[in-house]
N, C-alpha and C. Protein backbone atom coordinates (compact mmCIF):
# COMPACT_ATOMS: atom_id res chain seq x y z
N MET A 1 -9.67 0.70 20.87
CA MET A 1 -9.23 0.60 19.49
C MET A 1 -8.33 1.79 19.18
N LYS A 2 -7.24 1.50 18.50
CA LYS A 2 -6.37 2.54 17.97
C LYS A 2 -6.63 2.63 16.47
N THR A 3 -6.35 3.76 15.90
CA THR A 3 -6.52 3.92 14.46
C THR A 3 -5.17 4.15 13.80
N HIS A 4 -5.11 3.76 12.54
CA HIS A 4 -3.89 3.94 11.75
C HIS A 4 -4.33 4.39 10.36
N ALA A 5 -3.83 5.55 9.93
CA ALA A 5 -4.15 6.08 8.61
C ALA A 5 -2.96 5.90 7.69
N LEU A 6 -3.24 5.57 6.43
CA LEU A 6 -2.16 5.40 5.48
C LEU A 6 -2.61 5.82 4.09
N ARG A 7 -1.63 6.08 3.26
CA ARG A 7 -1.89 6.38 1.85
C ARG A 7 -1.03 5.46 1.01
N LEU A 8 -1.67 4.73 0.12
CA LEU A 8 -0.95 3.91 -0.85
C LEU A 8 -0.83 4.69 -2.15
N ARG A 9 0.24 4.44 -2.87
CA ARG A 9 0.53 5.20 -4.08
C ARG A 9 0.38 4.34 -5.33
N SER A 10 0.42 5.00 -6.45
CA SER A 10 0.25 4.37 -7.75
C SER A 10 1.14 3.14 -7.90
N GLY A 11 0.53 2.04 -8.35
CA GLY A 11 1.26 0.80 -8.61
C GLY A 11 1.32 -0.15 -7.44
N GLU A 12 1.00 0.31 -6.22
CA GLU A 12 1.03 -0.60 -5.08
C GLU A 12 -0.16 -1.56 -5.14
N ASP A 13 0.04 -2.75 -4.59
CA ASP A 13 -0.99 -3.78 -4.53
C ASP A 13 -1.80 -3.57 -3.25
N LEU A 14 -3.09 -3.29 -3.38
CA LEU A 14 -3.94 -2.94 -2.25
C LEU A 14 -3.94 -4.02 -1.17
N LYS A 15 -4.27 -5.24 -1.53
CA LYS A 15 -4.37 -6.32 -0.54
C LYS A 15 -3.01 -6.68 0.04
N ALA A 16 -2.01 -6.81 -0.80
CA ALA A 16 -0.68 -7.16 -0.33
C ALA A 16 -0.14 -6.11 0.63
N ALA A 17 -0.39 -4.84 0.34
CA ALA A 17 0.10 -3.76 1.20
C ALA A 17 -0.58 -3.81 2.57
N LEU A 18 -1.88 -4.06 2.60
CA LEU A 18 -2.59 -4.13 3.87
C LEU A 18 -2.14 -5.34 4.69
N ASP A 19 -2.00 -6.49 4.05
CA ASP A 19 -1.52 -7.68 4.75
C ASP A 19 -0.10 -7.47 5.29
N ALA A 20 0.75 -6.82 4.51
CA ALA A 20 2.13 -6.56 4.94
C ALA A 20 2.16 -5.62 6.14
N LEU A 21 1.29 -4.64 6.15
CA LEU A 21 1.22 -3.69 7.26
C LEU A 21 0.86 -4.40 8.57
N VAL A 22 -0.08 -5.32 8.50
CA VAL A 22 -0.47 -6.09 9.69
C VAL A 22 0.72 -6.91 10.20
N ARG A 23 1.43 -7.55 9.29
CA ARG A 23 2.60 -8.35 9.69
C ARG A 23 3.70 -7.45 10.26
N GLN A 24 3.96 -6.33 9.59
CA GLN A 24 5.02 -5.41 10.01
C GLN A 24 4.80 -4.91 11.43
N HIS A 25 3.56 -4.53 11.74
CA HIS A 25 3.24 -3.97 13.06
C HIS A 25 2.83 -5.03 14.08
N GLU A 26 2.73 -6.29 13.61
CA GLU A 26 2.32 -7.40 14.46
C GLU A 26 0.98 -7.13 15.15
N TRP A 27 0.04 -6.60 14.37
CA TRP A 27 -1.30 -6.35 14.90
C TRP A 27 -2.05 -7.67 15.01
N PRO A 28 -2.66 -7.96 16.14
CA PRO A 28 -3.39 -9.21 16.30
C PRO A 28 -4.78 -9.18 15.66
N ALA A 29 -5.33 -7.99 15.47
CA ALA A 29 -6.67 -7.87 14.88
C ALA A 29 -6.86 -6.44 14.38
N ALA A 30 -7.41 -6.32 13.17
CA ALA A 30 -7.67 -4.99 12.61
C ALA A 30 -8.88 -5.07 11.69
N CYS A 31 -9.45 -3.89 11.39
CA CYS A 31 -10.57 -3.81 10.46
C CYS A 31 -10.44 -2.53 9.65
N VAL A 32 -11.09 -2.51 8.51
CA VAL A 32 -11.10 -1.32 7.65
C VAL A 32 -12.22 -0.39 8.13
N LEU A 33 -11.85 0.84 8.45
CA LEU A 33 -12.84 1.84 8.87
C LEU A 33 -13.27 2.74 7.71
N SER A 34 -12.33 3.07 6.83
CA SER A 34 -12.62 3.97 5.71
C SER A 34 -11.60 3.72 4.61
N ALA A 35 -12.06 3.83 3.37
CA ALA A 35 -11.14 3.67 2.23
C ALA A 35 -11.72 4.37 1.01
N VAL A 36 -10.91 5.20 0.39
CA VAL A 36 -11.25 5.82 -0.89
C VAL A 36 -10.01 5.81 -1.77
N GLY A 37 -10.22 5.85 -3.05
CA GLY A 37 -9.09 5.87 -3.98
C GLY A 37 -9.50 5.29 -5.32
N SER A 38 -8.49 4.90 -6.08
CA SER A 38 -8.76 4.37 -7.40
C SER A 38 -7.80 3.23 -7.71
N LEU A 39 -8.26 2.34 -8.60
CA LEU A 39 -7.47 1.18 -8.99
C LEU A 39 -7.37 1.12 -10.51
N SER A 40 -6.22 0.70 -11.01
CA SER A 40 -6.02 0.57 -12.45
C SER A 40 -6.25 -0.86 -12.91
N HIS A 41 -6.12 -1.79 -12.00
CA HIS A 41 -6.22 -3.22 -12.29
C HIS A 41 -6.89 -3.83 -11.07
N VAL A 42 -8.04 -4.45 -11.25
CA VAL A 42 -8.82 -4.97 -10.13
C VAL A 42 -8.94 -6.48 -10.27
N ARG A 43 -8.68 -7.21 -9.19
CA ARG A 43 -8.89 -8.66 -9.15
C ARG A 43 -9.90 -8.95 -8.06
N LEU A 44 -11.08 -9.42 -8.49
CA LEU A 44 -12.16 -9.77 -7.58
C LEU A 44 -12.54 -11.23 -7.76
N ARG A 45 -12.83 -11.89 -6.66
CA ARG A 45 -13.40 -13.23 -6.73
C ARG A 45 -14.84 -13.10 -6.28
N TYR A 46 -15.75 -13.47 -7.18
CA TYR A 46 -17.17 -13.37 -6.90
C TYR A 46 -17.64 -14.54 -6.05
N ALA A 47 -18.80 -14.38 -5.43
CA ALA A 47 -19.35 -15.39 -4.54
C ALA A 47 -19.42 -16.76 -5.21
N ASN A 48 -18.92 -17.75 -4.49
CA ASN A 48 -19.00 -19.15 -4.90
C ASN A 48 -18.29 -19.44 -6.22
N GLN A 49 -17.29 -18.63 -6.56
CA GLN A 49 -16.51 -18.85 -7.77
C GLN A 49 -15.08 -19.23 -7.37
N PRO A 50 -14.47 -20.16 -8.07
CA PRO A 50 -13.12 -20.61 -7.68
C PRO A 50 -12.00 -19.66 -8.10
N GLU A 51 -12.21 -18.89 -9.15
CA GLU A 51 -11.15 -18.04 -9.69
C GLU A 51 -11.55 -16.57 -9.67
N ALA A 52 -10.54 -15.71 -9.61
CA ALA A 52 -10.77 -14.26 -9.63
C ALA A 52 -10.98 -13.78 -11.06
N GLU A 53 -11.71 -12.69 -11.19
CA GLU A 53 -11.88 -12.01 -12.47
C GLU A 53 -11.02 -10.76 -12.46
N VAL A 54 -10.41 -10.45 -13.59
CA VAL A 54 -9.58 -9.26 -13.72
C VAL A 54 -10.40 -8.19 -14.44
N ILE A 55 -10.41 -7.01 -13.87
CA ILE A 55 -11.11 -5.87 -14.46
C ILE A 55 -10.06 -4.79 -14.72
N GLU A 56 -9.88 -4.43 -15.98
CA GLU A 56 -8.88 -3.44 -16.35
C GLU A 56 -9.49 -2.04 -16.44
N GLY A 57 -8.64 -1.05 -16.36
CA GLY A 57 -9.06 0.33 -16.54
C GLY A 57 -9.32 1.01 -15.21
N PRO A 58 -9.25 2.32 -15.20
CA PRO A 58 -9.45 3.05 -13.95
C PRO A 58 -10.83 2.79 -13.34
N HIS A 59 -10.83 2.50 -12.06
CA HIS A 59 -12.05 2.30 -11.28
C HIS A 59 -11.93 3.02 -9.95
N GLU A 60 -13.02 3.61 -9.50
CA GLU A 60 -13.06 4.24 -8.19
C GLU A 60 -13.39 3.18 -7.15
N MET A 61 -12.70 3.22 -6.01
CA MET A 61 -13.08 2.38 -4.88
C MET A 61 -14.28 3.05 -4.21
N VAL A 62 -15.41 2.37 -4.19
CA VAL A 62 -16.59 2.94 -3.54
C VAL A 62 -16.85 2.29 -2.19
N ALA A 63 -16.23 1.15 -1.92
CA ALA A 63 -16.35 0.52 -0.61
C ALA A 63 -15.24 -0.51 -0.45
N LEU A 64 -14.70 -0.58 0.75
CA LEU A 64 -13.77 -1.62 1.15
C LEU A 64 -14.07 -1.94 2.60
N SER A 65 -14.29 -3.20 2.89
CA SER A 65 -14.56 -3.59 4.27
C SER A 65 -13.93 -4.94 4.53
N GLY A 66 -13.70 -5.22 5.81
CA GLY A 66 -13.20 -6.53 6.15
C GLY A 66 -12.33 -6.55 7.38
N THR A 67 -11.79 -7.74 7.64
CA THR A 67 -10.96 -7.99 8.80
C THR A 67 -9.56 -8.38 8.36
N LEU A 68 -8.58 -8.04 9.21
CA LEU A 68 -7.19 -8.35 8.94
C LEU A 68 -6.56 -8.90 10.21
N GLY A 69 -5.72 -9.89 10.06
CA GLY A 69 -5.02 -10.47 11.20
C GLY A 69 -3.76 -11.16 10.74
N PRO A 70 -3.00 -11.71 11.68
CA PRO A 70 -1.73 -12.34 11.32
C PRO A 70 -1.88 -13.56 10.42
N ASP A 71 -3.05 -14.22 10.44
CA ASP A 71 -3.28 -15.40 9.59
C ASP A 71 -3.85 -15.05 8.22
N GLY A 72 -4.03 -13.75 7.95
CA GLY A 72 -4.56 -13.33 6.67
C GLY A 72 -5.74 -12.39 6.83
N SER A 73 -6.24 -11.95 5.70
CA SER A 73 -7.34 -10.98 5.70
C SER A 73 -8.54 -11.55 4.94
N HIS A 74 -9.68 -10.94 5.19
CA HIS A 74 -10.91 -11.23 4.45
C HIS A 74 -11.50 -9.88 4.11
N LEU A 75 -11.29 -9.45 2.87
CA LEU A 75 -11.67 -8.11 2.44
C LEU A 75 -12.62 -8.17 1.25
N HIS A 76 -13.64 -7.33 1.29
CA HIS A 76 -14.57 -7.19 0.17
C HIS A 76 -14.42 -5.78 -0.39
N LEU A 77 -14.46 -5.69 -1.71
CA LEU A 77 -14.25 -4.42 -2.41
C LEU A 77 -15.37 -4.20 -3.41
N ALA A 78 -15.83 -2.96 -3.49
CA ALA A 78 -16.74 -2.54 -4.56
C ALA A 78 -16.06 -1.40 -5.31
N VAL A 79 -16.09 -1.49 -6.65
CA VAL A 79 -15.50 -0.47 -7.50
C VAL A 79 -16.52 -0.05 -8.56
N SER A 80 -16.36 1.20 -9.04
CA SER A 80 -17.23 1.66 -10.11
C SER A 80 -16.39 2.19 -11.26
N ASP A 81 -16.91 2.01 -12.48
CA ASP A 81 -16.19 2.48 -13.67
C ASP A 81 -16.62 3.90 -14.01
N SER A 82 -16.17 4.41 -15.14
CA SER A 82 -16.44 5.80 -15.52
C SER A 82 -17.92 6.06 -15.81
N ALA A 83 -18.70 5.00 -16.02
CA ALA A 83 -20.15 5.16 -16.23
C ALA A 83 -20.94 4.89 -14.95
N GLY A 84 -20.24 4.63 -13.84
CA GLY A 84 -20.91 4.39 -12.58
C GLY A 84 -21.34 2.94 -12.36
N ARG A 85 -21.02 2.06 -13.31
CA ARG A 85 -21.34 0.64 -13.12
C ARG A 85 -20.47 0.10 -12.00
N THR A 86 -21.10 -0.60 -11.07
CA THR A 86 -20.40 -1.06 -9.87
C THR A 86 -20.32 -2.58 -9.84
N GLN A 87 -19.15 -3.08 -9.44
CA GLN A 87 -18.94 -4.51 -9.25
C GLN A 87 -18.27 -4.69 -7.90
N GLY A 88 -18.51 -5.84 -7.28
CA GLY A 88 -17.89 -6.09 -5.99
C GLY A 88 -17.68 -7.56 -5.75
N GLY A 89 -16.79 -7.85 -4.83
CA GLY A 89 -16.50 -9.22 -4.46
C GLY A 89 -15.33 -9.27 -3.51
N HIS A 90 -14.73 -10.45 -3.39
CA HIS A 90 -13.56 -10.64 -2.54
C HIS A 90 -12.36 -9.97 -3.19
N LEU A 91 -11.69 -9.09 -2.46
CA LEU A 91 -10.47 -8.45 -2.95
C LEU A 91 -9.36 -9.49 -3.00
N MET A 92 -8.70 -9.58 -4.13
CA MET A 92 -7.59 -10.50 -4.32
C MET A 92 -6.30 -9.72 -4.58
N GLU A 93 -5.16 -10.36 -4.28
CA GLU A 93 -3.88 -9.73 -4.61
C GLU A 93 -3.82 -9.49 -6.11
N GLY A 94 -3.13 -8.42 -6.48
CA GLY A 94 -3.04 -8.05 -7.88
C GLY A 94 -3.94 -6.88 -8.24
N SER A 95 -4.63 -6.32 -7.23
CA SER A 95 -5.44 -5.12 -7.43
C SER A 95 -4.53 -3.92 -7.18
N LEU A 96 -4.23 -3.18 -8.25
CA LEU A 96 -3.19 -2.15 -8.20
C LEU A 96 -3.77 -0.75 -8.12
N ILE A 97 -3.16 0.06 -7.27
CA ILE A 97 -3.59 1.45 -7.09
C ILE A 97 -3.34 2.23 -8.39
N TYR A 98 -4.32 3.03 -8.78
CA TYR A 98 -4.21 3.88 -9.97
C TYR A 98 -3.52 5.20 -9.60
N THR A 99 -4.18 6.03 -8.79
CA THR A 99 -3.55 7.29 -8.37
C THR A 99 -3.22 7.28 -6.88
N THR A 100 -4.19 6.88 -6.06
CA THR A 100 -3.99 6.90 -4.61
C THR A 100 -5.03 6.02 -3.94
N ALA A 101 -4.74 5.65 -2.71
CA ALA A 101 -5.73 5.02 -1.83
C ALA A 101 -5.50 5.56 -0.44
N GLU A 102 -6.54 6.14 0.14
CA GLU A 102 -6.48 6.71 1.48
C GLU A 102 -7.29 5.80 2.39
N ILE A 103 -6.62 5.19 3.36
CA ILE A 103 -7.24 4.13 4.15
C ILE A 103 -7.06 4.42 5.64
N VAL A 104 -8.11 4.16 6.40
CA VAL A 104 -8.04 4.24 7.85
C VAL A 104 -8.40 2.86 8.39
N LEU A 105 -7.50 2.31 9.21
CA LEU A 105 -7.70 1.01 9.83
C LEU A 105 -7.93 1.17 11.32
N GLY A 106 -8.73 0.29 11.87
CA GLY A 106 -8.89 0.21 13.32
C GLY A 106 -8.14 -1.01 13.82
N VAL A 107 -7.26 -0.80 14.79
CA VAL A 107 -6.52 -1.90 15.40
C VAL A 107 -7.22 -2.25 16.71
N LEU A 108 -7.71 -3.48 16.80
CA LEU A 108 -8.50 -3.92 17.95
C LEU A 108 -7.55 -4.49 18.99
N GLU A 109 -7.33 -3.74 20.03
CA GLU A 109 -6.32 -4.09 21.02
C GLU A 109 -6.71 -5.24 21.93
N ASP A 110 -7.98 -5.52 22.08
CA ASP A 110 -8.44 -6.56 23.00
C ASP A 110 -8.85 -7.85 22.31
N GLN A 111 -8.58 -7.97 21.01
CA GLN A 111 -8.98 -9.14 20.24
C GLN A 111 -7.78 -9.74 19.52
N VAL A 112 -7.91 -11.02 19.19
CA VAL A 112 -6.96 -11.70 18.32
C VAL A 112 -7.79 -12.36 17.22
N PHE A 113 -7.45 -12.08 15.97
CA PHE A 113 -8.11 -12.73 14.84
C PHE A 113 -7.21 -13.84 14.32
N ALA A 114 -7.77 -15.02 14.23
CA ALA A 114 -7.06 -16.16 13.63
C ALA A 114 -7.96 -16.72 12.54
N ARG A 115 -7.41 -17.55 11.69
CA ARG A 115 -8.18 -18.21 10.64
C ARG A 115 -7.93 -19.70 10.75
N GLU A 116 -9.02 -20.45 10.86
CA GLU A 116 -8.94 -21.90 10.98
C GLU A 116 -9.97 -22.53 10.06
N ILE A 117 -9.65 -23.71 9.57
CA ILE A 117 -10.60 -24.45 8.73
C ILE A 117 -11.86 -24.73 9.55
N ASP A 118 -12.99 -24.35 9.00
CA ASP A 118 -14.29 -24.64 9.61
C ASP A 118 -14.82 -25.90 8.94
N PRO A 119 -15.05 -26.98 9.71
CA PRO A 119 -15.50 -28.23 9.08
C PRO A 119 -16.84 -28.10 8.36
N GLN A 120 -17.66 -27.14 8.78
CA GLN A 120 -18.96 -26.97 8.15
C GLN A 120 -18.84 -26.31 6.78
N THR A 121 -17.96 -25.30 6.65
CA THR A 121 -17.84 -24.58 5.38
C THR A 121 -16.69 -25.09 4.53
N GLY A 122 -15.65 -25.64 5.17
CA GLY A 122 -14.47 -26.08 4.44
C GLY A 122 -13.49 -24.95 4.15
N TYR A 123 -13.79 -23.74 4.64
CA TYR A 123 -12.94 -22.58 4.41
C TYR A 123 -12.23 -22.18 5.70
N ARG A 124 -11.13 -21.44 5.53
CA ARG A 124 -10.45 -20.85 6.69
C ARG A 124 -11.29 -19.67 7.15
N GLU A 125 -12.00 -19.87 8.24
CA GLU A 125 -12.92 -18.86 8.75
C GLU A 125 -12.33 -18.14 9.96
N LEU A 126 -12.88 -16.98 10.25
CA LEU A 126 -12.42 -16.14 11.34
C LEU A 126 -12.73 -16.78 12.69
N VAL A 127 -11.71 -16.81 13.56
CA VAL A 127 -11.85 -17.22 14.95
C VAL A 127 -11.41 -16.03 15.79
N ILE A 128 -12.30 -15.55 16.66
CA ILE A 128 -12.05 -14.36 17.46
C ILE A 128 -11.80 -14.80 18.90
N SER A 129 -10.69 -14.33 19.45
CA SER A 129 -10.34 -14.66 20.84
C SER A 129 -9.98 -13.38 21.57
N PRO A 130 -10.18 -13.38 22.89
CA PRO A 130 -9.71 -12.22 23.66
C PRO A 130 -8.19 -12.21 23.71
N ARG A 131 -7.63 -11.05 23.72
CA ARG A 131 -6.18 -10.92 23.79
C ARG A 131 -5.76 -10.92 25.25
N ARG A 132 -4.79 -11.73 25.58
CA ARG A 132 -4.28 -11.79 26.95
C ARG A 132 -3.46 -10.54 27.24
N SER A 133 -3.48 -10.10 28.48
CA SER A 133 -2.74 -8.90 28.85
C SER A 133 -1.25 -9.06 28.62
N THR A 134 -0.73 -10.30 28.67
CA THR A 134 0.71 -10.53 28.43
C THR A 134 1.07 -10.43 26.96
N ASP A 135 0.08 -10.41 26.07
CA ASP A 135 0.32 -10.33 24.62
C ASP A 135 0.42 -8.90 24.11
N ARG A 136 0.21 -7.92 24.91
CA ARG A 136 0.05 -6.54 24.44
C ARG A 136 1.38 -5.88 24.09
N THR A 137 1.60 -5.78 22.77
CA THR A 137 2.78 -5.08 22.27
C THR A 137 2.41 -4.01 21.25
N ALA A 138 1.18 -4.06 20.73
CA ALA A 138 0.76 -3.11 19.68
C ALA A 138 0.39 -1.78 20.26
């Protein structure tokens, strides 16, 4: 595994920036190792809900985890407000950095992450495959 550290700045979209980074570098598989920062506008989709909820105001990122690949990402985020109340769910595009986000990603050199419809769940679920030696460009 190789690591990649980055800093996102005020106004950047957290999810969109991470997805763009994977596409830009053509990483076949990556995961979030560490993330801290703050968000001014948070879009979370809660479990088994069809639509995202918007949470306004400064929030601290207390956890970010998930997988990223060329077919998309699956990221979960937990944020806390100024009173320490914490909310979490699926990170959606439109979650904007407040001051900064410091993120460390792990790039998995021997794996390929794809997303395919799972007939049992009906969702695009993660499919993990070994990376062929002829595919190695990252």
